[in-house]
Amino acid sequence: MESWTLEDFQRSLEHDEKSAFYLHAKMCGTCQVASKMLTIAEQVVPNIPIGEADLNYVEQIAYDYEIESVPCLLIQKNGEITHKIYAFQSVPHLVEKLTE
């Protein structure tokens, strides 16, 4: 996963047919597990750009998209958020959501 800024996310919304933005926090234990799951899912669907950022450094996204907690995976298709995932559940679940 690439580290994205707010501008990178906005660019992805405008130019990518589909992409995902993974939001986490440094001291979040659940986020560490979610990161590992998402890294595996990313290998299964390498054609979908996935960016990541510490939510503390992209706070505006929390306000704009009403992020309630971390980890959070925003999935967009054609510029619209189609999924906001907080419970990552499993790698197959993530792959399913990324490819819908």
Foldseek 3Di string as FASTA:
>chain_A
DAADAPVRVVVCLQPPQKAKEWEAADPDPVQVVVVVLVVVLCVVVVVHYYHYDHCVRHVVCCVVVVDDHPGWMFMDGNNHTPDIDHCPPGSVSVNVVRVD
